[in-house]
Structure formats: C-alpha cells, structure tokens
C-alpha cells in the first residue's frame, strides 16, 4: 500500500508539480541517473551507462549529456581524475525529495480546495503507526508545528 502511495506521489510530482516548481527539476532520465549517483556516491559516465543498461540501452554520449545537464542544474558536481570525468551528487536525495514535497504541498494548497489536502492526509493515514510517528517527529524537528 505504501509503495502505491509513493508511486502515485512520484507520478503526480512528475506530471503536475515539476512544471510549476521553483526548485530544480529533472527529466525521467535525469532522475534515473541521479538515482545511480545517489546510490554509488561517485561514478563516471560509463558506470551510470552500465547501471541504466538493464532498463534501456543508451549510447555513452546520451548518458554524458544527461550527466552534464545534472551538473548545469546544480544536482551533480564534476571533477577530473586523470582523463575521466567523475561525478558526485551536489544535492542529497532526501533534500531533493523534501523540496519536491514542499513544492507539492504549496501547489496543492494554492490550486485546489481543501478536498485535495484531505485526500493527501487520507493517503498519509495509510502509513503504519511507526511511520506516522516518524513523520510527526520530522515535522516537529523542522520547526513546522
């Protein structure tokens, strides 16, 4: 059930919020490349290409372009090791997810009536007790009481 909620939120963010978000947004391919970068922490274009090969075969230059776009967007950092370009995340996965979530909530509250926020709250109610407690603690610790 939680996976379905996450999938729904991911699709919603990609289709709706991304176009209106003031935060850096990524295409689907950029997101996949960042997932590899977040997992590996440091990698070159070839490593990303090999990770993504299981999903879809892509040319080296395509992956190189994706990585350069991530650098231009401030999502990744690039440095040279000998003749190889090496990439590291410039933004943590959790920080990016948090910015998209905040943007989603802001967009929902400004574009829709309370029924959309109510629907989101009902979806969050599907979380188990431990997850809800952790969510509340995270909210409290961020100063949003």
Protein backbone atom coordinates (compact mmCIF):
# COMPACT_ATOMS: atom_id res chain seq x y z
CA UNK A 1 0.00 0.00 0.00
CA UNK A 2 2.85 2.39 0.87
CA UNK A 3 4.57 1.61 -2.44
CA UNK A 4 1.38 2.52 -4.32
CA UNK A 5 1.21 5.83 -2.44
CA UNK A 6 4.85 6.55 -3.26
CA UNK A 7 4.29 5.66 -6.91
CA UNK A 8 1.21 7.90 -7.07
CA UNK A 9 3.10 10.80 -5.48
CA UNK A 10 6.05 10.30 -7.85
CA UNK A 11 3.83 10.34 -10.92
CA UNK A 12 1.87 13.31 -9.60
CA UNK A 13 5.04 15.27 -8.93
CA UNK A 14 6.47 14.48 -12.36
CA UNK A 15 3.27 15.33 -14.23
CA UNK A 16 2.00 18.30 -12.24
CA UNK A 17 4.36 19.92 -9.79
CA UNK A 18 7.55 19.69 -11.80
CA UNK A 19 6.31 22.19 -14.36
CA UNK A 20 5.36 24.74 -11.69
CA UNK A 21 8.08 24.10 -9.12
CA UNK A 22 10.59 26.83 -8.29
CA UNK A 23 13.05 24.05 -7.38
CA UNK A 24 15.41 22.30 -9.76
CA UNK A 25 13.51 19.65 -11.67
CA UNK A 26 14.77 16.65 -13.56
CA UNK A 27 13.56 14.65 -16.52
CA UNK A 28 12.85 10.96 -16.05
CA UNK A 29 16.26 10.02 -17.47
CA UNK A 30 17.99 12.60 -15.28
CA UNK A 31 16.16 11.19 -12.26
CA UNK A 32 17.30 7.66 -13.14
CA UNK A 33 20.88 8.87 -13.50
CA UNK A 34 20.67 10.70 -10.15
CA UNK A 35 19.34 7.53 -8.52
CA UNK A 36 22.52 5.79 -9.70
CA UNK A 37 24.65 8.70 -8.49
CA UNK A 38 22.95 8.77 -5.08
CA UNK A 39 23.45 5.01 -4.75
CA UNK A 40 27.09 4.93 -5.91
CA UNK A 41 28.06 8.36 -4.48
CA UNK A 42 30.81 8.76 -7.08
CA UNK A 43 30.80 7.50 -10.63
CA UNK A 44 31.80 8.17 -14.19
CA UNK A 45 29.58 8.20 -17.28
CA UNK A 46 30.40 4.58 -18.09
CA UNK A 47 29.28 3.42 -14.63
CA UNK A 48 25.96 5.23 -15.00
CA UNK A 49 25.56 3.81 -18.50
CA UNK A 50 26.13 0.26 -17.21
CA UNK A 51 23.62 0.72 -14.35
CA UNK A 52 20.98 2.05 -16.73
CA UNK A 53 21.67 -0.65 -19.35
CA UNK A 54 19.36 -3.05 -17.51
CA UNK A 55 16.47 -0.63 -18.04
CA UNK A 56 17.21 0.67 -21.53
CA UNK A 57 20.27 0.59 -23.73
CA UNK A 58 21.66 4.11 -24.13
CA UNK A 59 24.61 5.49 -26.02
CA UNK A 60 27.56 6.76 -24.00
CA UNK A 61 27.05 10.27 -25.40
CA UNK A 62 23.40 10.25 -24.30
CA UNK A 63 24.39 9.43 -20.72
CA UNK A 64 27.21 12.01 -20.91
CA UNK A 65 24.68 14.67 -21.94
CA UNK A 66 22.38 13.69 -19.08
CA UNK A 67 25.26 13.98 -16.59
CA UNK A 68 26.26 17.39 -17.96
CA UNK A 69 22.66 18.58 -17.60
CA UNK A 70 22.68 17.45 -13.97
CA UNK A 71 25.84 19.50 -13.41
CA UNK A 72 24.26 22.53 -15.11
CA UNK A 73 21.19 22.19 -12.87
CA UNK A 74 23.35 22.04 -9.75
CA UNK A 75 22.32 18.47 -8.94
CA UNK A 76 25.78 16.96 -9.53
CA UNK A 77 29.39 18.08 -9.33
CA UNK A 78 32.00 17.15 -11.90
CA UNK A 79 35.73 16.81 -11.46
CA UNK A 80 38.52 15.22 -13.45
CA UNK A 81 40.51 12.20 -12.34
CA UNK A 82 43.23 11.81 -14.93
CA UNK A 83 41.24 11.97 -18.19
CA UNK A 84 37.97 10.69 -16.70
CA UNK A 85 35.10 12.93 -15.67
CA UNK A 86 33.86 11.83 -12.24
CA UNK A 87 30.50 12.92 -10.86
CA UNK A 88 29.26 13.23 -7.30
CA UNK A 89 25.86 14.35 -6.00
CA UNK A 90 25.64 18.06 -5.16
CA UNK A 91 22.24 17.57 -3.51
CA UNK A 92 21.23 14.71 -1.25
CA UNK A 93 18.33 12.51 -2.23
CA UNK A 94 16.44 13.42 0.93
CA UNK A 95 16.96 17.18 0.40
CA UNK A 96 15.67 16.92 -3.17
CA UNK A 97 12.67 14.83 -2.09
CA UNK A 98 11.91 17.34 0.66
CA UNK A 99 11.98 20.28 -1.77
CA UNK A 100 9.63 18.49 -4.17
CA UNK A 101 7.30 17.55 -1.35
CA UNK A 102 7.16 21.11 -0.05
CA UNK A 103 6.50 22.31 -3.58
CA UNK A 104 3.74 19.72 -3.98
CA UNK A 105 2.02 20.83 -0.77
CA UNK A 106 2.33 24.51 -1.70
CA UNK A 107 0.91 23.84 -5.17
CA UNK A 108 -1.98 21.78 -3.83
CA UNK A 109 -2.88 24.38 -1.24
CA UNK A 110 -2.88 27.21 -3.78
CA UNK A 111 -4.51 25.47 -6.77
CA UNK A 112 -7.13 23.26 -5.14
CA UNK A 113 -9.70 23.46 -2.41
CA UNK A 114 -9.33 21.60 0.87
CA UNK A 115 -10.53 18.33 -0.66
CA UNK A 116 -7.12 17.73 -2.25
CA UNK A 117 -5.29 18.27 1.04
CA UNK A 118 -7.84 16.00 2.74
CA UNK A 119 -7.15 13.30 0.13
CA UNK A 120 -3.41 13.63 0.74
CA UNK A 121 -3.95 13.35 4.51
CA UNK A 122 -6.07 10.21 3.98
CA UNK A 123 -3.24 8.74 1.92
CA UNK A 124 -0.77 9.50 4.71
CA UNK A 125 -3.15 7.83 7.16
CA UNK A 126 -2.37 4.56 5.34
CA UNK A 127 1.12 4.64 6.84
CA UNK A 128 1.66 2.35 9.78
CA UNK A 129 1.92 3.79 13.30
CA UNK A 130 5.71 3.83 13.34
CA UNK A 131 5.89 5.68 10.00
CA UNK A 132 3.30 8.24 11.14
CA UNK A 133 5.18 8.79 14.40
CA UNK A 134 8.42 9.31 12.45
CA UNK A 135 6.67 11.75 10.12
CA UNK A 136 5.36 13.78 13.08
CA UNK A 137 8.81 13.80 14.70
CA UNK A 138 10.35 15.02 11.45
CA UNK A 139 7.77 17.80 11.21
CA UNK A 140 8.32 18.81 14.83
CA UNK A 141 12.11 18.85 14.46
CA UNK A 142 11.92 21.05 11.35
CA UNK A 143 10.00 23.72 13.25
CA UNK A 144 6.68 23.19 11.45
CA UNK A 145 4.43 22.63 14.46
